[in-house]
Amino acid sequence: AYIEGQDQKTARTELGKRLPAYMMPSSFIEMEKWPVTPSGKLDRKALPAPDGAAERRAYTAPQTITEMKLAKLWEEVLKYGPAGIRDHFFEQGGHSLKATALVSRIAKAFGVQVPLKEIFAKPTLEELAAVIQELDESPHAAIEPAEKQDTYPVSSAQKRMYVLQQLEDGGVGYNMPAALKLTGPLDRARLDEVFRQLIRRHESLRTSFETGVDGEPVQRIHDDVPFQLMELAAAEDFVRPFRLQEAPLFRAALVKEAEESHLLLVDMHHIISDGVSVGTLIREFSELYASRTLAPLRIQYKDYAVWQQAFKQGEAYNRQEAYWLKQLDGELPVL
C-alpha cells in the first residue's frame, strides 16, 4: 500500500478497523507526494516497487520472557534469522498463511488466542508481545488421533468441495497441478520409492470419498492404493479429472527433456490438499530422496475432521452460527 501524510503504524491501525485480515497490505511505502502523468492522473508506473522499500532493521534483542518466547516462534515461522523486537512480520516475508501459523504456535506456547487481525495491526515483535500479555488465558486443546473406523466424517471444507465437484460433473476446476524441474542424474527407482513412502506416510494420499448411508459425504482411508509413476512424452495431457470415490486422488508423471533434465509433474485434488500441503510434500519429497528420515506424524487430516465435527456441537460454534444467522437475516442483496 502507498500512503501519504501519515506513518505506517497509524495507517495499519486505521485499516485494521475497516478491512478483514486477508485484505491488509503486507507492506507500506510512505510517499512525500504522488507521481502524476502530464494529464494529472496518478502515474502508477512511477510508484516505487515494494521490494526495495523494506530494509532490515537494526537488531534489538528481546527483553522480557514473553518477547523471548515469541521471538523463538517468530523465527520458526519466518526462517529469517534472529528476531529482534523492532522486526516487522510482513517485511520479513510474512503473509496471511504464515500469520495463521504464528497464531497457532502462540496458542500452544502461551495459552492465549490472538485474533489474526492483531498480527496485521501490530506487526512488530514488541507490539505483538504486548498484545499477548494483555489477553486472558484460553487453554490450548490439542487435536487427538481419532479411533479407527471404516469411514470418517469430512471437514466443512471437504464437504463443500465434494458437493461442488458433483455439480461440476467431473471437471478439473479443483485439480492442483505442479511441475518441478529436476536437473542432474536421476535415480528412477528411488523416485518411485519416495512417492510410495509419501503415500504410506500421509493418509490423505490414500483417501477416497463417498456418500454415507445418511446422505452425508464421508471419507474412507485405504491401507494400500495403486500408484505408478507415469512416463510421458509431454506435459500437455497430464491434468485430467479425478473420481472422488477412487483413491489415490493424487498422480505423478515424469517427462524426460534431456539426459539429465526432467520435469516432475504432480497433481492432487483440492479435497485432500491445499497450498500448505503442497509445500510440505515438496519438502518431504526432497528429504526422502536424500535418504533422510522423517519424524512420525502425530495426527492426520481425518483427525482434524473428527475434531471439527465435535466442535460443531459446542457452545463456541453455536455462538458463531448465531452471529452469522443474524448478519444474514432478512432479504439478501443480489450479487
C-alpha atoms as a PDB file:
ATOM      1  CA  ALA A   1       0.000   0.000   0.000  1.00  0.00           C
ATOM      2  CA  TYR A   2       1.199   3.507  -0.748  1.00  0.00           C
ATOM      3  CA  ILE A   3       0.381   6.107   1.892  1.00  0.00           C
ATOM      4  CA  GLU A   4       0.879   9.866   2.041  1.00  0.00           C
ATOM      5  CA  GLY A   5       0.965  12.132   5.034  1.00  0.00           C
ATOM      6  CA  GLN A   6       0.819   9.577   7.872  1.00  0.00           C
ATOM      7  CA  ASP A   7       3.061   6.953   9.421  1.00  0.00           C
ATOM      8  CA  GLN A   8       2.739   3.237   8.825  1.00  0.00           C
ATOM      9  CA  LYS A   9       1.595   2.418  12.374  1.00  0.00           C
ATOM     10  CA  THR A  10      -1.334   4.837  12.119  1.00  0.00           C
ATOM     11  CA  ALA A  11      -2.241   3.538   8.663  1.00  0.00           C
ATOM     12  CA  ARG A  12      -2.209  -0.094   9.847  1.00  0.00           C
ATOM     13  CA  THR A  13      -4.324   0.695  12.902  1.00  0.00           C
ATOM     14  CA  GLU A  14      -6.945   2.543  10.863  1.00  0.00           C
ATOM     15  CA  LEU A  15      -7.080  -0.075   8.099  1.00  0.00           C
ATOM     16  CA  GLY A  16      -7.289  -2.833  10.725  1.00  0.00           C
ATOM     17  CA  LYS A  17     -10.619  -1.343  11.852  1.00  0.00           C
ATOM     18  CA  ARG A  18     -12.026  -1.403   8.321  1.00  0.00           C
ATOM     19  CA  LEU A  19     -10.521  -4.378   6.478  1.00  0.00           C
ATOM     20  CA  PRO A  20     -10.586  -8.144   7.080  1.00  0.00           C
ATOM     21  CA  ALA A  21      -7.160  -9.625   7.821  1.00  0.00           C
ATOM     22  CA  TYR A  22      -6.648 -11.161   4.374  1.00  0.00           C
ATOM     23  CA  MET A  23      -7.052  -7.737   2.689  1.00  0.00           C
ATOM     24  CA  MET A  24      -4.479  -5.968   4.842  1.00  0.00           C
ATOM     25  CA  PRO A  25      -1.425  -4.894   2.804  1.00  0.00           C
ATOM     26  CA  SER A  26       1.736  -6.784   3.742  1.00  0.00           C
ATOM     27  CA  SER A  27       3.946  -3.732   3.191  1.00  0.00           C
ATOM     28  CA  PHE A  28       3.556   0.032   3.208  1.00  0.00           C
ATOM     29  CA  ILE A  29       5.550   2.685   1.371  1.00  0.00           C
ATOM     30  CA  GLU A  30       5.380   6.259   2.597  1.00  0.00           C
ATOM     31  CA  MET A  31       5.220   8.842  -0.203  1.00  0.00           C
ATOM     32  CA  GLU A  32       6.047  12.514   0.126  1.00  0.00           C
ATOM     33  CA  LYS A  33       3.886  13.193  -2.916  1.00  0.00           C
ATOM     34  CA  TRP A  34       2.148  11.194  -5.606  1.00  0.00           C
ATOM     35  CA  PRO A  35       3.804  10.876  -9.034  1.00  0.00           C
ATOM     36  CA  VAL A  36       1.434  12.106 -11.737  1.00  0.00           C
ATOM     37  CA  THR A  37       1.264  11.908 -15.516  1.00  0.00           C
ATOM     38  CA  PRO A  38       1.250  15.070 -17.682  1.00  0.00           C
ATOM     39  CA  SER A  39      -2.544  14.853 -17.659  1.00  0.00           C
ATOM     40  CA  GLY A  40      -2.573  14.985 -13.853  1.00  0.00           C
ATOM     41  CA  LYS A  41      -3.531  11.353 -13.204  1.00  0.00           C
ATOM     42  CA  LEU A  42      -1.676   9.030 -10.834  1.00  0.00           C
ATOM     43  CA  ASP A  43       1.383   7.595 -12.607  1.00  0.00           C
ATOM     44  CA  ARG A  44       1.267   4.014 -11.327  1.00  0.00           C
ATOM     45  CA  LYS A  45       4.371   3.006 -13.265  1.00  0.00           C
ATOM     46  CA  ALA A  46       6.396   5.609 -11.359  1.00  0.00           C
ATOM     47  CA  LEU A  47       5.443   4.223  -7.936  1.00  0.00           C
ATOM     48  CA  PRO A  48       8.421   2.550  -6.212  1.00  0.00           C
ATOM     49  CA  ALA A  49       8.385  -1.249  -6.011  1.00  0.00           C
ATOM     50  CA  PRO A  50       7.683  -2.707  -2.544  1.00  0.00           C
ATOM     51  CA  ASP A  51      10.775  -4.935  -2.757  1.00  0.00           C
ATOM     52  CA  GLY A  52      13.228  -2.155  -2.083  1.00  0.00           C
ATOM     53  CA  ALA A  53      11.087  -0.401   0.490  1.00  0.00           C
ATOM     54  CA  ALA A  54      11.874  -2.614   3.441  1.00  0.00           C
ATOM     55  CA  GLU A  55      15.447  -2.764   4.643  1.00  0.00           C
ATOM     56  CA  ARG A  56      16.397  -4.966   7.558  1.00  0.00           C
ATOM     57  CA  ARG A  57      16.019  -3.076  10.810  1.00  0.00           C
ATOM     58  CA  ALA A  58      18.796  -2.818  13.365  1.00  0.00           C
ATOM     59  CA  TYR A  59      18.630  -5.805  15.718  1.00  0.00           C
ATOM     60  CA  THR A  60      17.305  -5.075  19.206  1.00  0.00           C
ATOM     61  CA  ALA A  61      17.316  -8.129  21.472  1.00  0.00           C
ATOM     62  CA  PRO A  62      14.107  -9.275  23.215  1.00  0.00           C
ATOM     63  CA  GLN A  63      13.998  -8.133  26.853  1.00  0.00           C
ATOM     64  CA  THR A  64      11.040  -9.841  28.533  1.00  0.00           C
ATOM     65  CA  ILE A  65      10.197 -13.547  28.857  1.00  0.00           C
ATOM     66  CA  THR A  66       7.191 -13.026  26.546  1.00  0.00           C
ATOM     67  CA  GLU A  67       9.358 -11.372  23.889  1.00  0.00           C
ATOM     68  CA  MET A  68      11.950 -14.148  24.112  1.00  0.00           C
ATOM     69  CA  LYS A  69       9.344 -16.916  23.747  1.00  0.00           C
ATOM     70  CA  LEU A  70       7.624 -15.052  20.907  1.00  0.00           C
ATOM     71  CA  ALA A  71      10.960 -14.485  19.145  1.00  0.00           C
ATOM     72  CA  LYS A  72      11.535 -18.248  19.033  1.00  0.00           C
ATOM     73  CA  LEU A  73       8.108 -18.848  17.450  1.00  0.00           C
ATOM     74  CA  TRP A  74       8.658 -15.934  15.061  1.00  0.00           C
ATOM     75  CA  GLU A  75      11.973 -17.442  13.888  1.00  0.00           C
ATOM     76  CA  GLU A  76      10.362 -20.876  13.371  1.00  0.00           C
ATOM     77  CA  VAL A  77       7.645 -19.433  11.135  1.00  0.00           C
ATOM     78  CA  LEU A  78       9.630 -16.886   9.119  1.00  0.00           C
ATOM     79  CA  LYS A  79      13.059 -18.602   8.987  1.00  0.00           C
ATOM     80  CA  TYR A  80      14.594 -15.144   8.612  1.00  0.00           C
ATOM     81  CA  GLY A  81      17.240 -15.399  11.311  1.00  0.00           C
ATOM     82  CA  PRO A  82      17.324 -13.935  14.855  1.00  0.00           C
ATOM     83  CA  ALA A  83      14.197 -11.913  15.648  1.00  0.00           C
ATOM     84  CA  GLY A  84      14.557  -8.515  17.311  1.00  0.00           C
ATOM     85  CA  ILE A  85      11.751  -6.612  18.995  1.00  0.00           C
ATOM     86  CA  ARG A  86      11.661  -3.940  16.253  1.00  0.00           C
ATOM     87  CA  ASP A  87      11.368  -6.551  13.489  1.00  0.00           C
ATOM     88  CA  HIS A  88       8.300  -6.359  11.262  1.00  0.00           C
ATOM     89  CA  PHE A  89       6.463  -9.601  10.475  1.00  0.00           C
ATOM     90  CA  PHE A  90       5.474  -8.714   6.911  1.00  0.00           C
ATOM     91  CA  GLU A  91       8.754  -7.064   5.961  1.00  0.00           C
ATOM     92  CA  GLN A  92      10.491 -10.367   6.766  1.00  0.00           C
ATOM     93  CA  GLY A  93       8.438 -12.464   4.373  1.00  0.00           C
ATOM     94  CA  GLY A  94       5.298 -12.920   6.458  1.00  0.00           C
ATOM     95  CA  HIS A  95       1.895 -13.306   4.806  1.00  0.00           C
ATOM     96  CA  SER A  96      -1.577 -14.472   5.839  1.00  0.00           C
ATOM     97  CA  LEU A  97      -0.707 -18.202   5.880  1.00  0.00           C
ATOM     98  CA  LYS A  98       2.404 -17.601   7.975  1.00  0.00           C
ATOM     99  CA  ALA A  99       0.427 -15.290  10.255  1.00  0.00           C
ATOM    100  CA  THR A 100      -2.072 -18.123  10.789  1.00  0.00           C
ATOM    101  CA  ALA A 101       0.798 -20.486  11.609  1.00  0.00           C
ATOM    102  CA  LEU A 102       2.144 -17.972  14.137  1.00  0.00           C
ATOM    103  CA  VAL A 103      -1.298 -17.646  15.772  1.00  0.00           C
ATOM    104  CA  SER A 104      -1.388 -21.437  16.177  1.00  0.00           C
ATOM    105  CA  ARG A 105       2.097 -21.551  17.740  1.00  0.00           C
ATOM    106  CA  ILE A 106       1.218 -18.694  20.109  1.00  0.00           C
ATOM    107  CA  ALA A 107      -1.896 -20.593  21.244  1.00  0.00           C
ATOM    108  CA  LYS A 108       0.214 -23.643  22.101  1.00  0.00           C
ATOM    109  CA  ALA A 109       3.077 -21.756  23.754  1.00  0.00           C
ATOM    110  CA  PHE A 110       1.155 -19.053  25.658  1.00  0.00           C
ATOM    111  CA  GLY A 111      -2.375 -20.485  26.041  1.00  0.00           C
ATOM    112  CA  VAL A 112      -3.975 -17.383  24.510  1.00  0.00           C
ATOM    113  CA  GLN A 113      -5.964 -16.842  21.313  1.00  0.00           C
ATOM    114  CA  VAL A 114      -4.546 -13.919  19.320  1.00  0.00           C
ATOM    115  CA  PRO A 115      -7.003 -12.694  16.654  1.00  0.00           C
ATOM    116  CA  LEU A 116      -5.398 -12.899  13.205  1.00  0.00           C
ATOM    117  CA  LYS A 117      -6.100  -9.223  12.526  1.00  0.00           C
ATOM    118  CA  GLU A 118      -3.899  -8.270  15.503  1.00  0.00           C
ATOM    119  CA  ILE A 119      -0.815  -9.502  13.654  1.00  0.00           C
ATOM    120  CA  PHE A 120      -1.688  -7.183  10.772  1.00  0.00           C
ATOM    121  CA  ALA A 121      -2.434  -4.275  13.118  1.00  0.00           C
ATOM    122  CA  LYS A 122       0.535  -4.902  15.493  1.00  0.00           C
ATOM    123  CA  PRO A 123       3.153  -6.432  13.157  1.00  0.00           C
ATOM    124  CA  THR A 124       6.333  -5.813  15.189  1.00  0.00           C
ATOM    125  CA  LEU A 125       7.515  -8.373  17.719  1.00  0.00           C
ATOM    126  CA  GLU A 126       7.376  -5.820  20.528  1.00  0.00           C
ATOM    127  CA  GLU A 127       3.773  -4.816  19.741  1.00  0.00           C
ATOM    128  CA  LEU A 128       2.610  -8.406  19.410  1.00  0.00           C
ATOM    129  CA  ALA A 129       4.245  -9.399  22.710  1.00  0.00           C
ATOM    130  CA  ALA A 130       2.267  -6.608  24.408  1.00  0.00           C
ATOM    131  CA  VAL A 131      -0.959  -7.961  22.866  1.00  0.00           C
ATOM    132  CA  ILE A 132      -0.181 -11.463  24.201  1.00  0.00           C
ATOM    133  CA  GLN A 133       0.398 -10.136  27.716  1.00  0.00           C
ATOM    134  CA  GLU A 134      -2.993  -8.394  27.760  1.00  0.00           C
ATOM    135  CA  LEU A 135      -5.063 -11.400  26.663  1.00  0.00           C
ATOM    136  CA  ASP A 136      -6.894 -13.698  29.071  1.00  0.00           C
ATOM    137  CA  GLU A 137      -5.675 -17.273  29.180  1.00  0.00           C
ATOM    138  CA  SER A 138      -7.592 -19.680  26.969  1.00  0.00           C
ATOM    139  CA  PRO A 139      -6.053 -23.156  27.321  1.00  0.00           C
ATOM    140  CA  HIS A 140      -4.934 -24.741  24.053  1.00  0.00           C
ATOM    141  CA  ALA A 141      -6.669 -28.055  23.332  1.00  0.00           C
ATOM    142  CA  ALA A 142      -4.656 -30.323  21.058  1.00  0.00           C
ATOM    143  CA  ILE A 143      -6.425 -32.408  18.416  1.00  0.00           C
ATOM    144  CA  GLU A 144      -6.152 -36.085  19.310  1.00  0.00           C
ATOM    145  CA  PRO A 145      -5.963 -39.113  16.974  1.00  0.00           C
ATOM    146  CA  ALA A 146      -9.423 -40.495  16.195  1.00  0.00           C
ATOM    147  CA  GLU A 147     -10.446 -44.069  16.904  1.00  0.00           C
ATOM    148  CA  LYS A 148     -10.201 -46.398  13.901  1.00  0.00           C
ATOM    149  CA  GLN A 149     -13.400 -46.520  11.823  1.00  0.00           C
ATOM    150  CA  ASP A 150     -14.478 -47.808   8.394  1.00  0.00           C
ATOM    151  CA  THR A 151     -15.270 -44.241   7.329  1.00  0.00           C
ATOM    152  CA  TYR A 152     -14.790 -40.823   8.873  1.00  0.00           C
ATOM    153  CA  PRO A 153     -16.679 -37.529   8.607  1.00  0.00           C
ATOM    154  CA  VAL A 154     -15.356 -34.928   6.216  1.00  0.00           C
ATOM    155  CA  SER A 155     -14.367 -31.412   7.242  1.00  0.00           C
ATOM    156  CA  SER A 156     -16.557 -28.450   6.265  1.00  0.00           C
ATOM    157  CA  ALA A 157     -14.088 -27.504   3.518  1.00  0.00           C
ATOM    158  CA  GLN A 158     -14.106 -31.067   2.137  1.00  0.00           C
ATOM    159  CA  LYS A 159     -17.920 -31.227   2.205  1.00  0.00           C
ATOM    160  CA  ARG A 160     -18.116 -28.011   0.201  1.00  0.00           C
ATOM    161  CA  MET A 161     -15.690 -29.321  -2.416  1.00  0.00           C
ATOM    162  CA  TYR A 162     -17.409 -32.714  -2.552  1.00  0.00           C
ATOM    163  CA  VAL A 163     -20.747 -31.071  -3.392  1.00  0.00           C
ATOM    164  CA  LEU A 164     -19.230 -28.648  -5.897  1.00  0.00           C
ATOM    165  CA  GLN A 165     -17.310 -31.441  -7.619  1.00  0.00           C
ATOM    166  CA  GLN A 166     -20.620 -33.268  -8.207  1.00  0.00           C
ATOM    167  CA  LEU A 167     -22.083 -30.083  -9.720  1.00  0.00           C
ATOM    168  CA  GLU A 168     -19.016 -29.664 -11.921  1.00  0.00           C
ATOM    169  CA  ASP A 169     -19.587 -33.227 -13.145  1.00  0.00           C
ATOM    170  CA  GLY A 170     -16.009 -34.416 -13.331  1.00  0.00           C
ATOM    171  CA  GLY A 171     -14.202 -31.221 -14.293  1.00  0.00           C
ATOM    172  CA  VAL A 172     -10.670 -30.199 -13.328  1.00  0.00           C
ATOM    173  CA  GLY A 173     -11.525 -26.964 -11.502  1.00  0.00           C
ATOM    174  CA  TYR A 174     -10.336 -28.427  -8.190  1.00  0.00           C
ATOM    175  CA  ASN A 175      -7.169 -30.070  -9.506  1.00  0.00           C
ATOM    176  CA  MET A 176      -3.907 -28.766  -8.026  1.00  0.00           C
ATOM    177  CA  PRO A 177      -1.150 -29.470 -10.554  1.00  0.00           C
ATOM    178  CA  ALA A 178       2.505 -28.566 -10.066  1.00  0.00           C
ATOM    179  CA  ALA A 179       5.673 -29.040 -12.107  1.00  0.00           C
ATOM    180  CA  LEU A 180       9.178 -29.425 -10.671  1.00  0.00           C
ATOM    181  CA  LYS A 181      12.335 -29.089 -12.743  1.00  0.00           C
ATOM    182  CA  LEU A 182      14.827 -31.866 -11.955  1.00  0.00           C
ATOM    183  CA  THR A 183      18.419 -31.455 -13.116  1.00  0.00           C
ATOM    184  CA  GLY A 184      21.315 -33.889 -12.793  1.00  0.00           C
ATOM    185  CA  PRO A 185      21.424 -37.707 -12.661  1.00  0.00           C
ATOM    186  CA  LEU A 186      18.014 -39.194 -11.846  1.00  0.00           C
ATOM    187  CA  ASP A 187      17.523 -42.363  -9.826  1.00  0.00           C
ATOM    188  CA  ARG A 188      14.241 -43.581 -11.334  1.00  0.00           C
ATOM    189  CA  ALA A 189      13.750 -46.440  -8.857  1.00  0.00           C
ATOM    190  CA  ARG A 190      14.486 -44.137  -5.911  1.00  0.00           C
ATOM    191  CA  LEU A 191      11.971 -41.601  -7.203  1.00  0.00           C
ATOM    192  CA  ASP A 192       9.271 -44.250  -7.412  1.00  0.00           C
ATOM    193  CA  GLU A 193      10.011 -45.469  -3.873  1.00  0.00           C
ATOM    194  CA  VAL A 194       9.893 -41.911  -2.457  1.00  0.00           C
ATOM    195  CA  PHE A 195       6.355 -41.466  -3.766  1.00  0.00           C
ATOM    196  CA  ARG A 196       5.340 -44.771  -2.213  1.00  0.00           C
ATOM    197  CA  GLN A 197       6.842 -43.626   1.103  1.00  0.00           C
ATOM    198  CA  LEU A 198       4.835 -40.396   0.946  1.00  0.00           C
ATOM    199  CA  ILE A 199       1.643 -42.339   0.212  1.00  0.00           C
ATOM    200  CA  ARG A 200       2.280 -44.625   3.188  1.00  0.00           C
ATOM    201  CA  ARG A 201       3.064 -41.616   5.410  1.00  0.00           C
ATOM    202  CA  HIS A 202       0.056 -39.427   4.533  1.00  0.00           C
ATOM    203  CA  GLU A 203      -3.449 -40.856   4.867  1.00  0.00           C
ATOM    204  CA  SER A 204      -4.774 -38.082   2.622  1.00  0.00           C
ATOM    205  CA  LEU A 205      -2.957 -39.707  -0.300  1.00  0.00           C
ATOM    206  CA  ARG A 206      -4.870 -42.942   0.435  1.00  0.00           C
ATOM    207  CA  THR A 207      -8.296 -41.355   0.907  1.00  0.00           C
ATOM    208  CA  SER A 208     -11.440 -41.648  -1.213  1.00  0.00           C
ATOM    209  CA  PHE A 209     -14.856 -40.038  -0.737  1.00  0.00           C
ATOM    210  CA  GLU A 210     -18.375 -41.373  -0.968  1.00  0.00           C
ATOM    211  CA  THR A 211     -21.912 -40.618   0.198  1.00  0.00           C
ATOM    212  CA  GLY A 212     -22.777 -42.314   3.503  1.00  0.00           C
ATOM    213  CA  VAL A 213     -25.998 -44.047   4.462  1.00  0.00           C
ATOM    214  CA  ASP A 214     -27.402 -40.793   5.892  1.00  0.00           C
ATOM    215  CA  GLY A 215     -26.727 -38.911   2.657  1.00  0.00           C
ATOM    216  CA  GLU A 216     -23.708 -37.070   4.091  1.00  0.00           C
ATOM    217  CA  PRO A 217     -20.286 -37.350   2.425  1.00  0.00           C
ATOM    218  CA  VAL A 218     -17.668 -39.437   4.261  1.00  0.00           C
ATOM    219  CA  GLN A 219     -14.013 -40.246   3.681  1.00  0.00           C
ATOM    220  CA  ARG A 220     -12.525 -43.728   3.556  1.00  0.00           C
ATOM    221  CA  ILE A 221      -8.821 -44.354   4.241  1.00  0.00           C
ATOM    222  CA  HIS A 222      -7.301 -47.306   2.428  1.00  0.00           C
ATOM    223  CA  ASP A 223      -4.378 -49.338   3.736  1.00  0.00           C
ATOM    224  CA  ASP A 224      -2.945 -49.568   0.246  1.00  0.00           C
ATOM    225  CA  VAL A 225      -3.687 -47.828  -3.066  1.00  0.00           C
ATOM    226  CA  PRO A 226      -2.483 -48.442  -6.628  1.00  0.00           C
ATOM    227  CA  PHE A 227       0.186 -45.979  -7.696  1.00  0.00           C
ATOM    228  CA  GLN A 228       2.505 -45.824 -10.676  1.00  0.00           C
ATOM    229  CA  LEU A 229       4.881 -43.027 -11.622  1.00  0.00           C
ATOM    230  CA  MET A 230       3.927 -42.427 -15.250  1.00  0.00           C
ATOM    231  CA  GLU A 231       6.362 -41.528 -18.011  1.00  0.00           C
ATOM    232  CA  LEU A 232       5.011 -39.063 -20.556  1.00  0.00           C
ATOM    233  CA  ALA A 233       6.417 -37.547 -23.730  1.00  0.00           C
ATOM    234  CA  ALA A 234       4.909 -34.120 -22.910  1.00  0.00           C
ATOM    235  CA  ALA A 235       3.062 -32.370 -20.096  1.00  0.00           C
ATOM    236  CA  GLU A 236       0.004 -31.273 -22.094  1.00  0.00           C
ATOM    237  CA  ASP A 237      -2.324 -34.193 -21.347  1.00  0.00           C
ATOM    238  CA  PHE A 238      -1.294 -34.758 -17.723  1.00  0.00           C
ATOM    239  CA  VAL A 239      -4.113 -32.882 -15.963  1.00  0.00           C
ATOM    240  CA  ARG A 240      -7.386 -34.794 -16.131  1.00  0.00           C
ATOM    241  CA  PRO A 241     -10.402 -35.269 -13.833  1.00  0.00           C
ATOM    242  CA  PHE A 242     -10.244 -37.327 -10.632  1.00  0.00           C
ATOM    243  CA  ARG A 243     -13.028 -39.658  -9.483  1.00  0.00           C
ATOM    244  CA  LEU A 244     -13.511 -38.872  -5.793  1.00  0.00           C
ATOM    245  CA  GLN A 245     -14.559 -42.438  -4.981  1.00  0.00           C
ATOM    246  CA  GLU A 246     -11.256 -43.800  -6.309  1.00  0.00           C
ATOM    247  CA  ALA A 247      -8.042 -43.360  -4.313  1.00  0.00           C
ATOM    248  CA  PRO A 248      -5.425 -42.058  -4.690  1.00  0.00           C
ATOM    249  CA  LEU A 249      -6.623 -38.576  -5.627  1.00  0.00           C
ATOM    250  CA  PHE A 250      -3.003 -37.963  -6.481  1.00  0.00           C
ATOM    251  CA  ARG A 251      -0.849 -38.757  -9.523  1.00  0.00           C
ATOM    252  CA  ALA A 252       2.671 -38.092 -10.701  1.00  0.00           C
ATOM    253  CA  ALA A 253       4.489 -38.311 -14.019  1.00  0.00           C
ATOM    254  CA  LEU A 254       7.975 -37.815 -15.389  1.00  0.00           C
ATOM    255  CA  VAL A 255       8.790 -36.035 -18.654  1.00  0.00           C
ATOM    256  CA  LYS A 256      12.320 -36.537 -19.973  1.00  0.00           C
ATOM    257  CA  GLU A 257      13.614 -33.384 -21.664  1.00  0.00           C
ATOM    258  CA  ALA A 258      17.289 -34.408 -21.916  1.00  0.00           C
ATOM    259  CA  GLU A 259      19.640 -36.967 -20.376  1.00  0.00           C
ATOM    260  CA  GLU A 260      19.925 -35.051 -17.101  1.00  0.00           C
ATOM    261  CA  SER A 261      16.881 -32.806 -17.354  1.00  0.00           C
ATOM    262  CA  HIS A 262      13.382 -33.935 -16.364  1.00  0.00           C
ATOM    263  CA  LEU A 263      10.034 -32.427 -15.474  1.00  0.00           C
ATOM    264  CA  LEU A 264       8.284 -33.989 -12.499  1.00  0.00           C
ATOM    265  CA  LEU A 265       4.540 -33.423 -12.767  1.00  0.00           C
ATOM    266  CA  VAL A 266       2.304 -33.811  -9.705  1.00  0.00           C
ATOM    267  CA  ASP A 267      -1.464 -33.367  -9.489  1.00  0.00           C
ATOM    268  CA  MET A 268      -3.770 -33.654  -6.475  1.00  0.00           C
ATOM    269  CA  HIS A 269      -7.416 -32.942  -5.896  1.00  0.00           C
ATOM    270  CA  HIS A 270      -8.042 -29.950  -3.644  1.00  0.00           C
ATOM    271  CA  ILE A 271     -10.252 -32.101  -1.374  1.00  0.00           C
ATOM    272  CA  ILE A 272      -7.081 -33.765   0.012  1.00  0.00           C
ATOM    273  CA  SER A 273      -4.621 -30.887  -0.320  1.00  0.00           C
ATOM    274  CA  ASP A 274      -4.035 -27.132  -0.176  1.00  0.00           C
ATOM    275  CA  GLY A 275      -1.185 -24.651  -0.613  1.00  0.00           C
ATOM    276  CA  VAL A 276       0.424 -25.541   2.707  1.00  0.00           C
ATOM    277  CA  SER A 277       0.157 -29.276   1.970  1.00  0.00           C
ATOM    278  CA  VAL A 278       1.959 -28.893  -1.362  1.00  0.00           C
ATOM    279  CA  GLY A 279       4.866 -27.127   0.347  1.00  0.00           C
ATOM    280  CA  THR A 280       5.027 -29.898   2.954  1.00  0.00           C
ATOM    281  CA  LEU A 281       5.045 -32.651   0.318  1.00  0.00           C
ATOM    282  CA  ILE A 282       7.771 -30.969  -1.735  1.00  0.00           C
ATOM    283  CA  ARG A 283       9.939 -30.543   1.370  1.00  0.00           C
ATOM    284  CA  GLU A 284       9.404 -34.130   2.484  1.00  0.00           C
ATOM    285  CA  PHE A 285       9.966 -35.411  -1.056  1.00  0.00           C
ATOM    286  CA  SER A 286      13.396 -33.742  -1.067  1.00  0.00           C
ATOM    287  CA  GLU A 287      14.242 -35.138   2.374  1.00  0.00           C
ATOM    288  CA  LEU A 288      13.242 -38.706   1.472  1.00  0.00           C
ATOM    289  CA  TYR A 289      15.009 -38.597  -1.892  1.00  0.00           C
ATOM    290  CA  ALA A 290      18.163 -37.604   0.012  1.00  0.00           C
ATOM    291  CA  SER A 291      17.618 -40.721   2.209  1.00  0.00           C
ATOM    292  CA  ARG A 292      16.852 -38.698   5.334  1.00  0.00           C
ATOM    293  CA  THR A 293      14.433 -39.981   7.983  1.00  0.00           C
ATOM    294  CA  LEU A 294      11.246 -38.051   8.767  1.00  0.00           C
ATOM    295  CA  ALA A 295       9.726 -37.841  12.238  1.00  0.00           C
ATOM    296  CA  PRO A 296       6.415 -39.766  12.559  1.00  0.00           C
ATOM    297  CA  LEU A 297       3.187 -37.779  12.176  1.00  0.00           C
ATOM    298  CA  ARG A 298       1.190 -37.390  15.400  1.00  0.00           C
ATOM    299  CA  ILE A 299      -2.159 -36.783  13.680  1.00  0.00           C
ATOM    300  CA  GLN A 300      -3.610 -36.916  10.178  1.00  0.00           C
ATOM    301  CA  TYR A 301      -6.231 -34.789   8.429  1.00  0.00           C
ATOM    302  CA  LYS A 302      -9.120 -37.129   9.281  1.00  0.00           C
ATOM    303  CA  ASP A 303      -8.341 -36.478  12.970  1.00  0.00           C
ATOM    304  CA  TYR A 304      -8.987 -32.791  12.345  1.00  0.00           C
ATOM    305  CA  ALA A 305     -12.269 -33.621  10.563  1.00  0.00           C
ATOM    306  CA  VAL A 306     -13.416 -35.708  13.557  1.00  0.00           C
ATOM    307  CA  TRP A 307     -12.383 -32.915  15.952  1.00  0.00           C
ATOM    308  CA  GLN A 308     -14.258 -30.331  13.880  1.00  0.00           C
ATOM    309  CA  GLN A 309     -17.419 -32.429  13.934  1.00  0.00           C
ATOM    310  CA  ALA A 310     -17.247 -32.482  17.759  1.00  0.00           C
ATOM    311  CA  PHE A 311     -16.519 -28.730  17.827  1.00  0.00           C
ATOM    312  CA  LYS A 312     -19.760 -28.103  15.934  1.00  0.00           C
ATOM    313  CA  GLN A 313     -21.676 -29.493  18.899  1.00  0.00           C
ATOM    314  CA  GLY A 314     -20.145 -26.959  21.306  1.00  0.00           C
ATOM    315  CA  GLU A 315     -21.070 -23.527  22.600  1.00  0.00           C
ATOM    316  CA  ALA A 316     -18.360 -21.667  20.653  1.00  0.00           C
ATOM    317  CA  TYR A 317     -19.727 -22.957  17.350  1.00  0.00           C
ATOM    318  CA  ASN A 318     -23.301 -22.125  18.362  1.00  0.00           C
ATOM    319  CA  ARG A 319     -22.253 -18.534  19.089  1.00  0.00           C
ATOM    320  CA  GLN A 320     -20.598 -18.243  15.674  1.00  0.00           C
ATOM    321  CA  GLU A 321     -23.655 -19.736  13.952  1.00  0.00           C
ATOM    322  CA  ALA A 322     -25.995 -17.330  15.770  1.00  0.00           C
ATOM    323  CA  TYR A 323     -23.803 -14.383  14.729  1.00  0.00           C
ATOM    324  CA  TRP A 324     -23.940 -15.279  11.024  1.00  0.00           C
ATOM    325  CA  LEU A 325     -27.658 -16.049  11.093  1.00  0.00           C
ATOM    326  CA  LYS A 326     -28.166 -12.542  12.453  1.00  0.00           C
ATOM    327  CA  GLN A 327     -25.765 -10.974   9.929  1.00  0.00           C
ATOM    328  CA  LEU A 328     -27.513 -12.701   7.016  1.00  0.00           C
ATOM    329  CA  ASP A 329     -31.049 -12.234   8.301  1.00  0.00           C
ATOM    330  CA  GLY A 330     -33.689 -10.639   6.105  1.00  0.00           C
ATOM    331  CA  GLU A 331     -33.543 -10.065   2.374  1.00  0.00           C
ATOM    332  CA  LEU A 332     -30.063 -10.551   0.973  1.00  0.00           C
ATOM    333  CA  PRO A 333     -28.709  -8.313  -1.781  1.00  0.00           C
ATOM    334  CA  VAL A 334     -28.330  -9.862  -5.230  1.00  0.00           C
ATOM    335  CA  LEU A 335     -24.670 -10.128  -6.210  1.00  0.00           C
END
